[in-house]
């Protein structure tokens, strides 16, 4: 999104005004939708695939 809350131009060209197609693409990419957290030297985050990942 840009500073006005609109889809960026390149995303508008690819997805038009179809936010459902855009969100589906994010899900297919395995995007990170959670806040990350670090505990005892391990980085944790939740992804669009429903999994929680841990990286040391």
PDB file of N, CA and C in Angstrom:
ATOM      1  N   UNK A   1       0.836  -1.168   0.000  1.00  0.00           N
ATOM      2  CA  UNK A   1       0.000   0.000   0.000  1.00  0.00           C
ATOM      3  C   UNK A   1       0.891   1.244   0.000  1.00  0.00           C
ATOM      4  N   UNK A   2       0.388   2.270  -0.602  1.00  0.00           N
ATOM      5  CA  UNK A   2       1.124   3.527  -0.580  1.00  0.00           C
ATOM      6  C   UNK A   2       0.680   4.367   0.616  1.00  0.00           C
ATOM      7  N   UNK A   3       1.203   5.583   0.705  1.00  0.00           N
ATOM      8  CA  UNK A   3       0.888   6.437   1.856  1.00  0.00           C
ATOM      9  C   UNK A   3      -0.574   6.867   1.910  1.00  0.00           C
ATOM     10  N   UNK A   4      -1.309   6.696   0.811  1.00  0.00           N
ATOM     11  CA  UNK A   4      -2.734   7.035   0.784  1.00  0.00           C
ATOM     12  C   UNK A   4      -3.630   5.820   1.015  1.00  0.00           C
ATOM     13  N   UNK A   5      -3.013   4.654   1.299  1.00  0.00           N
ATOM     14  CA  UNK A   5      -3.786   3.452   1.545  1.00  0.00           C
ATOM     15  C   UNK A   5      -4.246   2.743   0.281  1.00  0.00           C
ATOM     16  N   UNK A   6      -3.680   3.121  -0.851  1.00  0.00           N
ATOM     17  CA  UNK A   6      -4.031   2.507  -2.136  1.00  0.00           C
ATOM     18  C   UNK A   6      -2.991   1.456  -2.497  1.00  0.00           C
ATOM     19  N   UNK A   7      -3.388   0.481  -3.326  1.00  0.00           N
ATOM     20  CA  UNK A   7      -2.416  -0.489  -3.823  1.00  0.00           C
ATOM     21  C   UNK A   7      -1.351   0.230  -4.632  1.00  0.00           C
ATOM     22  N   UNK A   8      -0.102  -0.174  -4.473  1.00  0.00           N
ATOM     23  CA  UNK A   8       0.967   0.430  -5.270  1.00  0.00           C
ATOM     24  C   UNK A   8       0.706   0.167  -6.741  1.00  0.00           C
ATOM     25  N   UNK A   9       1.220   1.039  -7.590  1.00  0.00           N
ATOM     26  CA  UNK A   9       0.927   1.000  -9.025  1.00  0.00           C
ATOM     27  C   UNK A   9       1.204  -0.367  -9.639  1.00  0.00           C
ATOM     28  N   UNK A  10       2.366  -0.962  -9.353  1.00  0.00           N
ATOM     29  CA  UNK A  10       2.683  -2.256  -9.955  1.00  0.00           C
ATOM     30  C   UNK A  10       1.720  -3.349  -9.505  1.00  0.00           C
ATOM     31  N   UNK A  11       1.238  -3.262  -8.267  1.00  0.00           N
ATOM     32  CA  UNK A  11       0.258  -4.238  -7.795  1.00  0.00           C
ATOM     33  C   UNK A  11      -1.107  -3.976  -8.418  1.00  0.00           C
ATOM     34  N   UNK A  12      -1.437  -2.705  -8.610  1.00  0.00           N
ATOM     35  CA  UNK A  12      -2.702  -2.377  -9.266  1.00  0.00           C
ATOM     36  C   UNK A  12      -2.721  -2.920 -10.681  1.00  0.00           C
ATOM     37  N   UNK A  13      -1.608  -2.819 -11.381  1.00  0.00           N
ATOM     38  CA  UNK A  13      -1.541  -3.318 -12.750  1.00  0.00           C
ATOM     39  C   UNK A  13      -1.718  -4.834 -12.776  1.00  0.00           C
ATOM     40  N   UNK A  14      -1.139  -5.524 -11.816  1.00  0.00           N
ATOM     41  CA  UNK A  14      -1.210  -6.987 -11.803  1.00  0.00           C
ATOM     42  C   UNK A  14      -2.549  -7.507 -11.282  1.00  0.00           C
ATOM     43  N   UNK A  15      -3.091  -6.868 -10.231  1.00  0.00           N
ATOM     44  CA  UNK A  15      -4.288  -7.398  -9.575  1.00  0.00           C
ATOM     45  C   UNK A  15      -5.530  -6.527  -9.740  1.00  0.00           C
ATOM     46  N   UNK A  16      -5.365  -5.353 -10.330  1.00  0.00           N
ATOM     47  CA  UNK A  16      -6.514  -4.458 -10.470  1.00  0.00           C
ATOM     48  C   UNK A  16      -7.063  -4.121  -9.101  1.00  0.00           C
ATOM     49  N   UNK A  17      -8.335  -4.104  -8.966  1.00  0.00           N
ATOM     50  CA  UNK A  17      -8.957  -3.817  -7.675  1.00  0.00           C
ATOM     51  C   UNK A  17      -9.415  -5.086  -6.967  1.00  0.00           C
ATOM     52  N   UNK A  18      -8.894  -6.241  -7.378  1.00  0.00           N
ATOM     53  CA  UNK A  18      -9.321  -7.513  -6.822  1.00  0.00           C
ATOM     54  C   UNK A  18      -8.436  -7.889  -5.635  1.00  0.00           C
ATOM     55  N   UNK A  19      -8.806  -7.421  -4.455  1.00  0.00           N
ATOM     56  CA  UNK A  19      -8.023  -7.677  -3.251  1.00  0.00           C
ATOM     57  C   UNK A  19      -7.969  -9.170  -2.928  1.00  0.00           C
ATOM     58  N   UNK A  20      -8.974  -9.932  -3.324  1.00  0.00           N
ATOM     59  CA  UNK A  20      -8.973 -11.382  -3.077  1.00  0.00           C
ATOM     60  C   UNK A  20      -7.857 -12.070  -3.847  1.00  0.00           C
ATOM     61  N   UNK A  21      -7.646 -11.680  -5.097  1.00  0.00           N
ATOM     62  CA  UNK A  21      -6.535 -12.257  -5.881  1.00  0.00           C
ATOM     63  C   UNK A  21      -5.193 -11.879  -5.269  1.00  0.00           C
ATOM     64  N   UNK A  22      -5.075 -10.634  -4.814  1.00  0.00           N
ATOM     65  CA  UNK A  22      -3.837 -10.177  -4.189  1.00  0.00           C
ATOM     66  C   UNK A  22      -3.551 -10.976  -2.920  1.00  0.00           C
ATOM     67  N   UNK A  23      -4.547 -11.142  -2.061  1.00  0.00           N
ATOM     68  CA  UNK A  23      -4.359 -11.887  -0.823  1.00  0.00           C
ATOM     69  C   UNK A  23      -4.031 -13.349  -1.113  1.00  0.00           C
ATOM     70  N   UNK A  24      -4.673 -13.946  -2.109  1.00  0.00           N
ATOM     71  CA  UNK A  24      -4.377 -15.330  -2.491  1.00  0.00           C
ATOM     72  C   UNK A  24      -2.917 -15.460  -2.919  1.00  0.00           C
ATOM     73  N   UNK A  25      -2.402 -14.465  -3.621  1.00  0.00           N
ATOM     74  CA  UNK A  25      -0.997 -14.492  -4.034  1.00  0.00           C
ATOM     75  C   UNK A  25      -0.080 -14.421  -2.818  1.00  0.00           C
ATOM     76  N   UNK A  26      -0.423 -13.580  -1.837  1.00  0.00           N
ATOM     77  CA  UNK A  26       0.363 -13.519  -0.607  1.00  0.00           C
ATOM     78  C   UNK A  26       0.382 -14.871   0.093  1.00  0.00           C
ATOM     79  N   UNK A  27      -0.753 -15.541   0.137  1.00  0.00           N
ATOM     80  CA  UNK A  27      -0.815 -16.848   0.784  1.00  0.00           C
ATOM     81  C   UNK A  27       0.057 -17.866   0.066  1.00  0.00           C
ATOM     82  N   UNK A  28       0.063 -17.831  -1.251  1.00  0.00           N
ATOM     83  CA  UNK A  28       0.877 -18.774  -2.022  1.00  0.00           C
ATOM     84  C   UNK A  28       2.366 -18.539  -1.822  1.00  0.00           C
ATOM     85  N   UNK A  29       2.757 -17.299  -1.537  1.00  0.00           N
ATOM     86  CA  UNK A  29       4.167 -16.975  -1.330  1.00  0.00           C
ATOM     87  C   UNK A  29       4.651 -17.387   0.052  1.00  0.00           C
ATOM     88  N   UNK A  30       3.738 -17.733   0.954  1.00  0.00           N
ATOM     89  CA  UNK A  30       4.131 -18.071   2.317  1.00  0.00           C
ATOM     90  C   UNK A  30       4.537 -16.840   3.109  1.00  0.00           C
ATOM     91  N   UNK A  31       3.891 -15.741   2.833  1.00  0.00           N
ATOM     92  CA  UNK A  31       4.225 -14.468   3.472  1.00  0.00           C
ATOM     93  C   UNK A  31       4.122 -14.548   4.990  1.00  0.00           C
ATOM     94  N   UNK A  32       4.913 -13.709   5.651  1.00  0.00           N
ATOM     95  CA  UNK A  32       4.877 -13.610   7.105  1.00  0.00           C
ATOM     96  C   UNK A  32       3.836 -12.567   7.479  1.00  0.00           C
ATOM     97  N   UNK A  33       2.845 -12.988   8.243  1.00  0.00           N
ATOM     98  CA  UNK A  33       1.776 -12.094   8.661  1.00  0.00           C
ATOM     99  C   UNK A  33       1.769 -11.844  10.159  1.00  0.00           C
ATOM    100  N   UNK A  34       2.740 -12.377  10.863  1.00  0.00           N
ATOM    101  CA  UNK A  34       2.742 -12.211  12.312  1.00  0.00           C
ATOM    102  C   UNK A  34       3.868 -11.276  12.729  1.00  0.00           C
ATOM    103  N   UNK A  35       3.793 -10.854  13.964  1.00  0.00           N
ATOM    104  CA  UNK A  35       4.913 -10.152  14.570  1.00  0.00           C
ATOM    105  C   UNK A  35       5.971 -11.194  14.896  1.00  0.00           C
ATOM    106  N   UNK A  36       7.211 -10.889  14.591  1.00  0.00           N
ATOM    107  CA  UNK A  36       8.278 -11.836  14.943  1.00  0.00           C
ATOM    108  C   UNK A  36       8.631 -11.653  16.411  1.00  0.00           C
ATOM    109  N   UNK A  37       9.182 -12.693  17.004  1.00  0.00           N
ATOM    110  CA  UNK A  37       9.668 -12.572  18.364  1.00  0.00           C
ATOM    111  C   UNK A  37      10.928 -13.402  18.512  1.00  0.00           C
ATOM    112  N   UNK A  38      11.784 -12.970  19.418  1.00  0.00           N
ATOM    113  CA  UNK A  38      13.054 -13.643  19.676  1.00  0.00           C
ATOM    114  C   UNK A  38      13.080 -14.052  21.131  1.00  0.00           C
ATOM    115  N   UNK A  39      13.440 -15.309  21.326  1.00  0.00           N
ATOM    116  CA  UNK A  39      13.525 -15.842  22.682  1.00  0.00           C
ATOM    117  C   UNK A  39      14.697 -16.809  22.750  1.00  0.00           C
ATOM    118  N   UNK A  40      15.596 -16.591  23.681  1.00  0.00           N
ATOM    119  CA  UNK A  40      16.764 -17.460  23.876  1.00  0.00           C
ATOM    120  C   UNK A  40      17.535 -17.667  22.572  1.00  0.00           C
ATOM    121  N   UNK A  41      17.707 -16.603  21.793  1.00  0.00           N
ATOM    122  CA  UNK A  41      18.512 -16.666  20.575  1.00  0.00           C
ATOM    123  C   UNK A  41      17.813 -17.297  19.379  1.00  0.00           C
ATOM    124  N   UNK A  42      16.525 -17.568  19.481  1.00  0.00           N
ATOM    125  CA  UNK A  42      15.769 -18.155  18.375  1.00  0.00           C
ATOM    126  C   UNK A  42      14.716 -17.154  17.903  1.00  0.00           C
ATOM    127  N   UNK A  43      14.635 -16.965  16.599  1.00  0.00           N
ATOM    128  CA  UNK A  43      13.650 -16.078  15.980  1.00  0.00           C
ATOM    129  C   UNK A  43      12.426 -16.902  15.618  1.00  0.00           C
ATOM    130  N   UNK A  44      11.249 -16.453  16.021  1.00  0.00           N
ATOM    131  CA  UNK A  44       9.994 -17.152  15.742  1.00  0.00           C
ATOM    132  C   UNK A  44       9.082 -16.247  14.920  1.00  0.00           C
ATOM    133  N   UNK A  45       8.319 -16.855  14.014  1.00  0.00           N
ATOM    134  CA  UNK A  45       7.313 -16.096  13.265  1.00  0.00           C
ATOM    135  C   UNK A  45       6.281 -17.059  12.698  1.00  0.00           C
ATOM    136  N   UNK A  46       5.090 -16.552  12.486  1.00  0.00           N
ATOM    137  CA  UNK A  46       4.016 -17.320  11.865  1.00  0.00           C
ATOM    138  C   UNK A  46       3.892 -16.911  10.406  1.00  0.00           C
ATOM    139  N   UNK A  47       3.628 -17.861   9.550  1.00  0.00           N
ATOM    140  CA  UNK A  47       3.524 -17.602   8.114  1.00  0.00           C
ATOM    141  C   UNK A  47       2.101 -17.859   7.622  1.00  0.00           C
ATOM    142  N   UNK A  48       1.861 -17.424   6.402  1.00  0.00           N
ATOM    143  CA  UNK A  48       0.534 -17.550   5.797  1.00  0.00           C
ATOM    144  C   UNK A  48       0.106 -19.002   5.623  1.00  0.00           C
ATOM    145  N   UNK A  49       1.052 -19.930   5.665  1.00  0.00           N
ATOM    146  CA  UNK A  49       0.695 -21.348   5.522  1.00  0.00           C
ATOM    147  C   UNK A  49       0.187 -21.949   6.824  1.00  0.00           C
ATOM    148  N   UNK A  50       0.102 -21.129   7.879  1.00  0.00           N
ATOM    149  CA  UNK A  50      -0.419 -21.601   9.158  1.00  0.00           C
ATOM    150  C   UNK A  50       0.622 -22.165  10.096  1.00  0.00           C
ATOM    151  N   UNK A  51       1.860 -22.234   9.641  1.00  0.00           N
ATOM    152  CA  UNK A  51       2.935 -22.790  10.466  1.00  0.00           C
ATOM    153  C   UNK A  51       3.639 -21.695  11.246  1.00  0.00           C
ATOM    154  N   UNK A  52       4.224 -22.084  12.363  1.00  0.00           N
ATOM    155  CA  UNK A  52       5.117 -21.216  13.124  1.00  0.00           C
ATOM    156  C   UNK A  52       6.524 -21.743  12.905  1.00  0.00           C
ATOM    157  N   UNK A  53       7.413 -20.847  12.519  1.00  0.00           N
ATOM    158  CA  UNK A  53       8.784 -21.216  12.201  1.00  0.00           C
ATOM    159  C   UNK A  53       9.715 -20.709  13.281  1.00  0.00           C
ATOM    160  N   UNK A  54      10.819 -21.442  13.505  1.00  0.00           N
ATOM    161  CA  UNK A  54      11.845 -21.060  14.455  1.00  0.00           C
ATOM    162  C   UNK A  54      13.190 -21.134  13.737  1.00  0.00           C
ATOM    163  N   UNK A  55      13.949 -20.036  13.823  1.00  0.00           N
ATOM    164  CA  UNK A  55      15.256 -19.969  13.167  1.00  0.00           C
ATOM    165  C   UNK A  55      16.284 -19.596  14.216  1.00  0.00           C
ATOM    166  N   UNK A  56      17.308 -20.435  14.323  1.00  0.00           N
ATOM    167  CA  UNK A  56      18.381 -20.147  15.281  1.00  0.00           C
ATOM    168  C   UNK A  56      19.447 -19.308  14.635  1.00  0.00           C
TER     169      UNK A  56
END
